[in-house]
Amino acid sequence: MVPLILGSVFLGRVVTILVLYLLAVIGFKEFARATGLYRDWWMTGAVYAGIVGACVLTLIRHPTSENPGLGWYGFFMALPVYEIALIILIPIVRNRVEGQLQAISLAIVGFIYIGWMFGHIGFLANASEHYGYLLYLIFAVELNDVAAFTFGRLLGKRQFRSNISPKKTWEGAIGALCFSMVLPWVLRFRFRTLGRCNWC
């Protein structure tokens, strides 16, 4: 995945956004298959529609001159309200009750956690220093994995969650968390504008 994102970053804003949303679609598909939601095409279709909507809002400009930045950030932030309304409406339209609470919950989690939250990375491509932000994010994620492995190897004695991932340890998880907290502080001089929203 890293070579794909790295390559897209250097191909420009539009390609970067499209690749990131493609990864969001693939990620949601895997989530839907793992949870059984994939069998319900109404729900999965609604989530795919939400992801496509988030992609469009990331690509287009705000329709009025009051917010001239790239992407329609205000609508993007409000999108979960409309997406959740669509998902809740599906059982009503289908006149179904049985098993719908689980399907609704999985669809909402899938959209928010994978589609919409991943879309925030796409919005970074609209920032003036997008190369730095995106490359830092890739760099930080990879280093977090290396830190977890290193601390786990050197200090790991207590299993983190033996049924989920038997090789993970508490020491590795805490070491990776500490490393991830320190890294942005060390590199803070490079991201002075991160707190200013220049795409809203």
C-alpha atoms as a PDB file:
ATOM      1  CA  MET A   1       0.000   0.000   0.000  1.00  0.00           C
ATOM      2  CA  VAL A   2       2.850   2.404   0.793  1.00  0.00           C
ATOM      3  CA  PRO A   3       4.336   2.446  -2.759  1.00  0.00           C
ATOM      4  CA  LEU A   4       0.851   3.098  -4.160  1.00  0.00           C
ATOM      5  CA  ILE A   5       0.261   6.083  -1.853  1.00  0.00           C
ATOM      6  CA  LEU A   6       3.792   7.412  -2.339  1.00  0.00           C
ATOM      7  CA  GLY A   7       3.432   7.231  -6.119  1.00  0.00           C
ATOM      8  CA  SER A   8       0.038   8.935  -6.061  1.00  0.00           C
ATOM      9  CA  VAL A   9       1.308  11.790  -3.844  1.00  0.00           C
ATOM     10  CA  PHE A  10       3.808  12.785  -6.530  1.00  0.00           C
ATOM     11  CA  LEU A  11       1.181  12.525  -9.288  1.00  0.00           C
ATOM     12  CA  GLY A  12      -0.830  15.387  -7.820  1.00  0.00           C
ATOM     13  CA  ARG A  13      -3.863  16.232  -5.731  1.00  0.00           C
ATOM     14  CA  VAL A  14      -6.595  14.544  -7.791  1.00  0.00           C
ATOM     15  CA  VAL A  15      -4.728  11.246  -8.195  1.00  0.00           C
ATOM     16  CA  THR A  16      -3.862  11.216  -4.484  1.00  0.00           C
ATOM     17  CA  ILE A  17      -7.485  11.735  -3.464  1.00  0.00           C
ATOM     18  CA  LEU A  18      -8.776   9.087  -5.884  1.00  0.00           C
ATOM     19  CA  VAL A  19      -6.217   6.518  -4.705  1.00  0.00           C
ATOM     20  CA  LEU A  20      -6.991   7.193  -1.035  1.00  0.00           C
ATOM     21  CA  TYR A  21     -10.718   6.762  -1.602  1.00  0.00           C
ATOM     22  CA  LEU A  22     -10.060   3.614  -3.628  1.00  0.00           C
ATOM     23  CA  LEU A  23      -8.228   2.262  -0.578  1.00  0.00           C
ATOM     24  CA  ALA A  24     -11.216   3.286   1.579  1.00  0.00           C
ATOM     25  CA  VAL A  25     -13.542   1.297  -0.711  1.00  0.00           C
ATOM     26  CA  ILE A  26     -11.249  -1.745  -0.544  1.00  0.00           C
ATOM     27  CA  GLY A  27     -10.969  -1.397   3.236  1.00  0.00           C
ATOM     28  CA  PHE A  28     -14.740  -1.219   3.659  1.00  0.00           C
ATOM     29  CA  LYS A  29     -15.211  -4.229   1.363  1.00  0.00           C
ATOM     30  CA  GLU A  30     -12.877  -6.280   3.575  1.00  0.00           C
ATOM     31  CA  PHE A  31     -14.690  -5.053   6.700  1.00  0.00           C
ATOM     32  CA  ALA A  32     -18.085  -5.922   5.181  1.00  0.00           C
ATOM     33  CA  ARG A  33     -16.919  -9.417   4.199  1.00  0.00           C
ATOM     34  CA  ALA A  34     -15.395 -10.084   7.629  1.00  0.00           C
ATOM     35  CA  THR A  35     -18.565  -9.002   9.475  1.00  0.00           C
ATOM     36  CA  GLY A  36     -21.122 -10.553   7.110  1.00  0.00           C
ATOM     37  CA  LEU A  37     -22.521  -7.169   6.055  1.00  0.00           C
ATOM     38  CA  TYR A  38     -21.426  -7.824   2.469  1.00  0.00           C
ATOM     39  CA  ARG A  39     -24.442 -10.113   1.978  1.00  0.00           C
ATOM     40  CA  ASP A  40     -26.742  -7.100   2.420  1.00  0.00           C
ATOM     41  CA  TRP A  41     -26.326  -5.140  -0.812  1.00  0.00           C
ATOM     42  CA  TRP A  42     -28.677  -2.371   0.274  1.00  0.00           C
ATOM     43  CA  MET A  43     -26.508  -1.516   3.270  1.00  0.00           C
ATOM     44  CA  THR A  44     -23.186  -1.956   1.500  1.00  0.00           C
ATOM     45  CA  GLY A  45     -24.493   0.081  -1.432  1.00  0.00           C
ATOM     46  CA  ALA A  46     -25.459   2.908   0.930  1.00  0.00           C
ATOM     47  CA  VAL A  47     -21.963   2.918   2.453  1.00  0.00           C
ATOM     48  CA  TYR A  48     -20.321   2.888  -0.989  1.00  0.00           C
ATOM     49  CA  ALA A  49     -22.535   5.836  -1.956  1.00  0.00           C
ATOM     50  CA  GLY A  50     -21.373   7.687   1.166  1.00  0.00           C
ATOM     51  CA  ILE A  51     -17.717   7.032   0.363  1.00  0.00           C
ATOM     52  CA  VAL A  52     -18.209   8.279  -3.204  1.00  0.00           C
ATOM     53  CA  GLY A  53     -19.988  11.354  -1.821  1.00  0.00           C
ATOM     54  CA  ALA A  54     -17.070  12.056   0.525  1.00  0.00           C
ATOM     55  CA  CYS A  55     -14.671  11.716  -2.415  1.00  0.00           C
ATOM     56  CA  VAL A  56     -16.658  14.199  -4.492  1.00  0.00           C
ATOM     57  CA  LEU A  57     -16.781  16.689  -1.604  1.00  0.00           C
ATOM     58  CA  THR A  58     -13.011  16.360  -1.226  1.00  0.00           C
ATOM     59  CA  LEU A  59     -12.412  17.041  -4.922  1.00  0.00           C
ATOM     60  CA  ILE A  60     -14.805  19.915  -5.648  1.00  0.00           C
ATOM     61  CA  ARG A  61     -14.481  23.547  -4.607  1.00  0.00           C
ATOM     62  CA  HIS A  62     -16.900  25.227  -2.245  1.00  0.00           C
ATOM     63  CA  PRO A  63     -19.760  26.570  -4.420  1.00  0.00           C
ATOM     64  CA  THR A  64     -19.664  30.075  -2.911  1.00  0.00           C
ATOM     65  CA  SER A  65     -16.844  32.601  -2.779  1.00  0.00           C
ATOM     66  CA  GLU A  66     -16.991  32.898   1.027  1.00  0.00           C
ATOM     67  CA  ASN A  67     -14.856  29.744   1.373  1.00  0.00           C
ATOM     68  CA  PRO A  68     -12.515  29.690  -1.629  1.00  0.00           C
ATOM     69  CA  GLY A  69     -10.389  26.695  -0.543  1.00  0.00           C
ATOM     70  CA  LEU A  70     -10.196  23.320  -2.213  1.00  0.00           C
ATOM     71  CA  GLY A  71     -12.829  20.825  -1.160  1.00  0.00           C
ATOM     72  CA  TRP A  72     -16.204  21.480   0.443  1.00  0.00           C
ATOM     73  CA  TYR A  73     -15.091  20.879   4.038  1.00  0.00           C
ATOM     74  CA  GLY A  74     -18.261  22.058   5.789  1.00  0.00           C
ATOM     75  CA  PHE A  75     -20.466  19.645   3.840  1.00  0.00           C
ATOM     76  CA  PHE A  76     -17.842  16.906   4.268  1.00  0.00           C
ATOM     77  CA  MET A  77     -18.054  17.331   8.061  1.00  0.00           C
ATOM     78  CA  ALA A  78     -21.875  17.164   7.939  1.00  0.00           C
ATOM     79  CA  LEU A  79     -21.934  14.138   5.595  1.00  0.00           C
ATOM     80  CA  PRO A  80     -22.221  11.496   8.384  1.00  0.00           C
ATOM     81  CA  VAL A  81     -25.611  12.948   9.380  1.00  0.00           C
ATOM     82  CA  TYR A  82     -26.991  12.376   5.865  1.00  0.00           C
ATOM     83  CA  GLU A  83     -25.295   8.992   5.512  1.00  0.00           C
ATOM     84  CA  ILE A  84     -26.673   7.706   8.819  1.00  0.00           C
ATOM     85  CA  ALA A  85     -30.150   8.954   7.846  1.00  0.00           C
ATOM     86  CA  LEU A  86     -29.868   7.018   4.565  1.00  0.00           C
ATOM     87  CA  ILE A  87     -28.742   3.851   6.364  1.00  0.00           C
ATOM     88  CA  ILE A  88     -31.586   4.075   8.911  1.00  0.00           C
ATOM     89  CA  LEU A  89     -34.097   4.676   6.113  1.00  0.00           C
ATOM     90  CA  ILE A  90     -33.206   1.411   4.335  1.00  0.00           C
ATOM     91  CA  PRO A  91     -35.060  -0.981   6.724  1.00  0.00           C
ATOM     92  CA  ILE A  92     -38.117   1.301   6.560  1.00  0.00           C
ATOM     93  CA  VAL A  93     -38.145   1.260   2.750  1.00  0.00           C
ATOM     94  CA  ARG A  94     -37.618  -2.519   2.721  1.00  0.00           C
ATOM     95  CA  ASN A  95     -40.246  -3.027   5.484  1.00  0.00           C
ATOM     96  CA  ARG A  96     -37.803  -5.235   7.411  1.00  0.00           C
ATOM     97  CA  VAL A  97     -37.205  -5.542  11.137  1.00  0.00           C
ATOM     98  CA  GLU A  98     -35.326  -8.768  11.849  1.00  0.00           C
ATOM     99  CA  GLY A  99     -31.535  -8.419  12.022  1.00  0.00           C
ATOM    100  CA  GLN A 100     -31.608  -4.799  10.919  1.00  0.00           C
ATOM    101  CA  LEU A 101     -30.104  -3.321  14.093  1.00  0.00           C
ATOM    102  CA  GLN A 102     -26.895  -5.270  13.521  1.00  0.00           C
ATOM    103  CA  ALA A 103     -26.801  -4.351   9.818  1.00  0.00           C
ATOM    104  CA  ILE A 104     -27.413  -0.660  10.603  1.00  0.00           C
ATOM    105  CA  SER A 105     -24.691  -0.663  13.252  1.00  0.00           C
ATOM    106  CA  LEU A 106     -22.133  -2.348  10.990  1.00  0.00           C
ATOM    107  CA  ALA A 107     -22.935  -0.013   8.090  1.00  0.00           C
ATOM    108  CA  ILE A 108     -22.571   3.091  10.274  1.00  0.00           C
ATOM    109  CA  VAL A 109     -19.292   1.863  11.794  1.00  0.00           C
ATOM    110  CA  GLY A 110     -18.008   0.912   8.330  1.00  0.00           C
ATOM    111  CA  PHE A 111     -18.766   4.333   6.889  1.00  0.00           C
ATOM    112  CA  ILE A 112     -17.548   6.422   9.841  1.00  0.00           C
ATOM    113  CA  TYR A 113     -14.458   4.427  10.715  1.00  0.00           C
ATOM    114  CA  ILE A 114     -13.289   3.498   7.210  1.00  0.00           C
ATOM    115  CA  GLY A 115     -14.974   5.756   4.655  1.00  0.00           C
ATOM    116  CA  TRP A 116     -15.313   9.094   6.406  1.00  0.00           C
ATOM    117  CA  MET A 117     -12.328   8.970   8.764  1.00  0.00           C
ATOM    118  CA  PHE A 118     -10.084   7.771   5.924  1.00  0.00           C
ATOM    119  CA  GLY A 119     -11.475  10.652   3.890  1.00  0.00           C
ATOM    120  CA  HIS A 120      -9.735  13.086   6.238  1.00  0.00           C
ATOM    121  CA  ILE A 121      -6.438  11.827   4.841  1.00  0.00           C
ATOM    122  CA  GLY A 122      -7.778  12.677   1.383  1.00  0.00           C
ATOM    123  CA  PHE A 123      -8.549  16.181   2.609  1.00  0.00           C
ATOM    124  CA  LEU A 124      -4.890  16.611   3.545  1.00  0.00           C
ATOM    125  CA  ALA A 125      -4.197  16.576  -0.208  1.00  0.00           C
ATOM    126  CA  ASN A 126      -6.048  19.921  -0.363  1.00  0.00           C
ATOM    127  CA  ALA A 127      -3.619  21.573   2.065  1.00  0.00           C
ATOM    128  CA  SER A 128      -0.873  23.893   0.876  1.00  0.00           C
ATOM    129  CA  GLU A 129       1.828  21.604   2.321  1.00  0.00           C
ATOM    130  CA  HIS A 130       0.140  18.345   1.408  1.00  0.00           C
ATOM    131  CA  TYR A 131       3.345  16.534   0.397  1.00  0.00           C
ATOM    132  CA  GLY A 132       4.791  17.024   3.867  1.00  0.00           C
ATOM    133  CA  TYR A 133       1.611  15.988   5.692  1.00  0.00           C
ATOM    134  CA  LEU A 134       0.989  12.843   3.657  1.00  0.00           C
ATOM    135  CA  LEU A 135       4.606  11.718   3.608  1.00  0.00           C
ATOM    136  CA  TYR A 136       4.860  12.331   7.350  1.00  0.00           C
ATOM    137  CA  LEU A 137       1.733  10.240   7.920  1.00  0.00           C
ATOM    138  CA  ILE A 138       3.143   7.310   5.927  1.00  0.00           C
ATOM    139  CA  PHE A 139       6.492   7.688   7.671  1.00  0.00           C
ATOM    140  CA  ALA A 140       4.886   7.828  11.138  1.00  0.00           C
ATOM    141  CA  VAL A 141       2.700   4.745  10.596  1.00  0.00           C
ATOM    142  CA  GLU A 142       5.635   2.687   9.377  1.00  0.00           C
ATOM    143  CA  LEU A 143       7.845   3.841  12.269  1.00  0.00           C
ATOM    144  CA  ASN A 144       5.060   3.021  14.730  1.00  0.00           C
ATOM    145  CA  ASP A 145       5.058  -0.576  13.477  1.00  0.00           C
ATOM    146  CA  VAL A 146       8.842  -0.746  13.745  1.00  0.00           C
ATOM    147  CA  ALA A 147       8.735   0.691  17.284  1.00  0.00           C
ATOM    148  CA  ALA A 148       6.079  -1.835  18.371  1.00  0.00           C
ATOM    149  CA  PHE A 149       8.140  -4.711  16.976  1.00  0.00           C
ATOM    150  CA  THR A 150      11.404  -3.425  18.505  1.00  0.00           C
ATOM    151  CA  PHE A 151      10.008  -2.732  21.991  1.00  0.00           C
ATOM    152  CA  GLY A 152       8.146  -6.046  21.906  1.00  0.00           C
ATOM    153  CA  ARG A 153      11.306  -7.959  20.982  1.00  0.00           C
ATOM    154  CA  LEU A 154      13.540  -6.229  23.523  1.00  0.00           C
ATOM    155  CA  LEU A 155      11.185  -5.866  26.479  1.00  0.00           C
ATOM    156  CA  GLY A 156       8.081  -7.915  25.686  1.00  0.00           C
ATOM    157  CA  LYS A 157       6.977 -10.362  28.357  1.00  0.00           C
ATOM    158  CA  ARG A 158       3.223  -9.916  28.819  1.00  0.00           C
ATOM    159  CA  GLN A 159       0.850 -10.747  25.967  1.00  0.00           C
ATOM    160  CA  PHE A 160      -1.430  -7.914  24.902  1.00  0.00           C
ATOM    161  CA  ARG A 161      -4.415  -9.910  23.576  1.00  0.00           C
ATOM    162  CA  SER A 162      -3.543 -13.559  23.120  1.00  0.00           C
ATOM    163  CA  ASN A 163      -6.710 -14.541  21.210  1.00  0.00           C
ATOM    164  CA  ILE A 164      -6.494 -11.672  18.718  1.00  0.00           C
ATOM    165  CA  SER A 165      -2.757 -11.372  18.116  1.00  0.00           C
ATOM    166  CA  PRO A 166      -0.631 -13.742  20.201  1.00  0.00           C
ATOM    167  CA  LYS A 167       2.724 -12.122  19.329  1.00  0.00           C
ATOM    168  CA  LYS A 168       1.750  -8.621  20.493  1.00  0.00           C
ATOM    169  CA  THR A 169       2.893  -7.561  23.970  1.00  0.00           C
ATOM    170  CA  TRP A 170       1.993  -4.768  26.374  1.00  0.00           C
ATOM    171  CA  GLU A 171       5.575  -3.526  26.279  1.00  0.00           C
ATOM    172  CA  GLY A 172       5.502  -3.288  22.474  1.00  0.00           C
ATOM    173  CA  ALA A 173       2.143  -1.467  22.494  1.00  0.00           C
ATOM    174  CA  ILE A 174       3.221   1.039  25.164  1.00  0.00           C
ATOM    175  CA  GLY A 175       6.588   1.581  23.457  1.00  0.00           C
ATOM    176  CA  ALA A 176       4.877   2.260  20.111  1.00  0.00           C
ATOM    177  CA  LEU A 177       2.398   4.648  21.780  1.00  0.00           C
ATOM    178  CA  CYS A 178       5.202   6.608  23.470  1.00  0.00           C
ATOM    179  CA  PHE A 179       7.184   6.745  20.236  1.00  0.00           C
ATOM    180  CA  SER A 180       4.109   7.989  18.347  1.00  0.00           C
ATOM    181  CA  MET A 181       3.582  10.731  20.938  1.00  0.00           C
ATOM    182  CA  VAL A 182       7.205  11.881  20.830  1.00  0.00           C
ATOM    183  CA  LEU A 183       7.650  11.863  17.029  1.00  0.00           C
ATOM    184  CA  PRO A 184       5.219  14.746  16.254  1.00  0.00           C
ATOM    185  CA  TRP A 185       6.776  16.814  19.050  1.00  0.00           C
ATOM    186  CA  VAL A 186      10.266  16.248  17.615  1.00  0.00           C
ATOM    187  CA  LEU A 187       9.075  17.250  14.131  1.00  0.00           C
ATOM    188  CA  ARG A 188       6.793  20.097  15.264  1.00  0.00           C
ATOM    189  CA  PHE A 189       8.985  22.739  13.606  1.00  0.00           C
ATOM    190  CA  ARG A 190       8.006  21.336  10.198  1.00  0.00           C
ATOM    191  CA  PHE A 191       4.249  21.547  10.716  1.00  0.00           C
ATOM    192  CA  ARG A 192       3.630  25.021  12.098  1.00  0.00           C
ATOM    193  CA  THR A 193       0.627  25.534   9.821  1.00  0.00           C
ATOM    194  CA  LEU A 194      -1.109  22.242  10.656  1.00  0.00           C
ATOM    195  CA  GLY A 195      -3.403  23.922  13.180  1.00  0.00           C
ATOM    196  CA  ARG A 196      -4.638  26.469  10.624  1.00  0.00           C
ATOM    197  CA  CYS A 197      -7.443  25.245   8.385  1.00  0.00           C
ATOM    198  CA  ASN A 198      -6.682  26.618   4.942  1.00  0.00           C
ATOM    199  CA  TRP A 199      -9.193  24.454   3.095  1.00  0.00           C
ATOM    200  CA  CYS A 200     -12.381  25.232   5.104  1.00  0.00           C
END
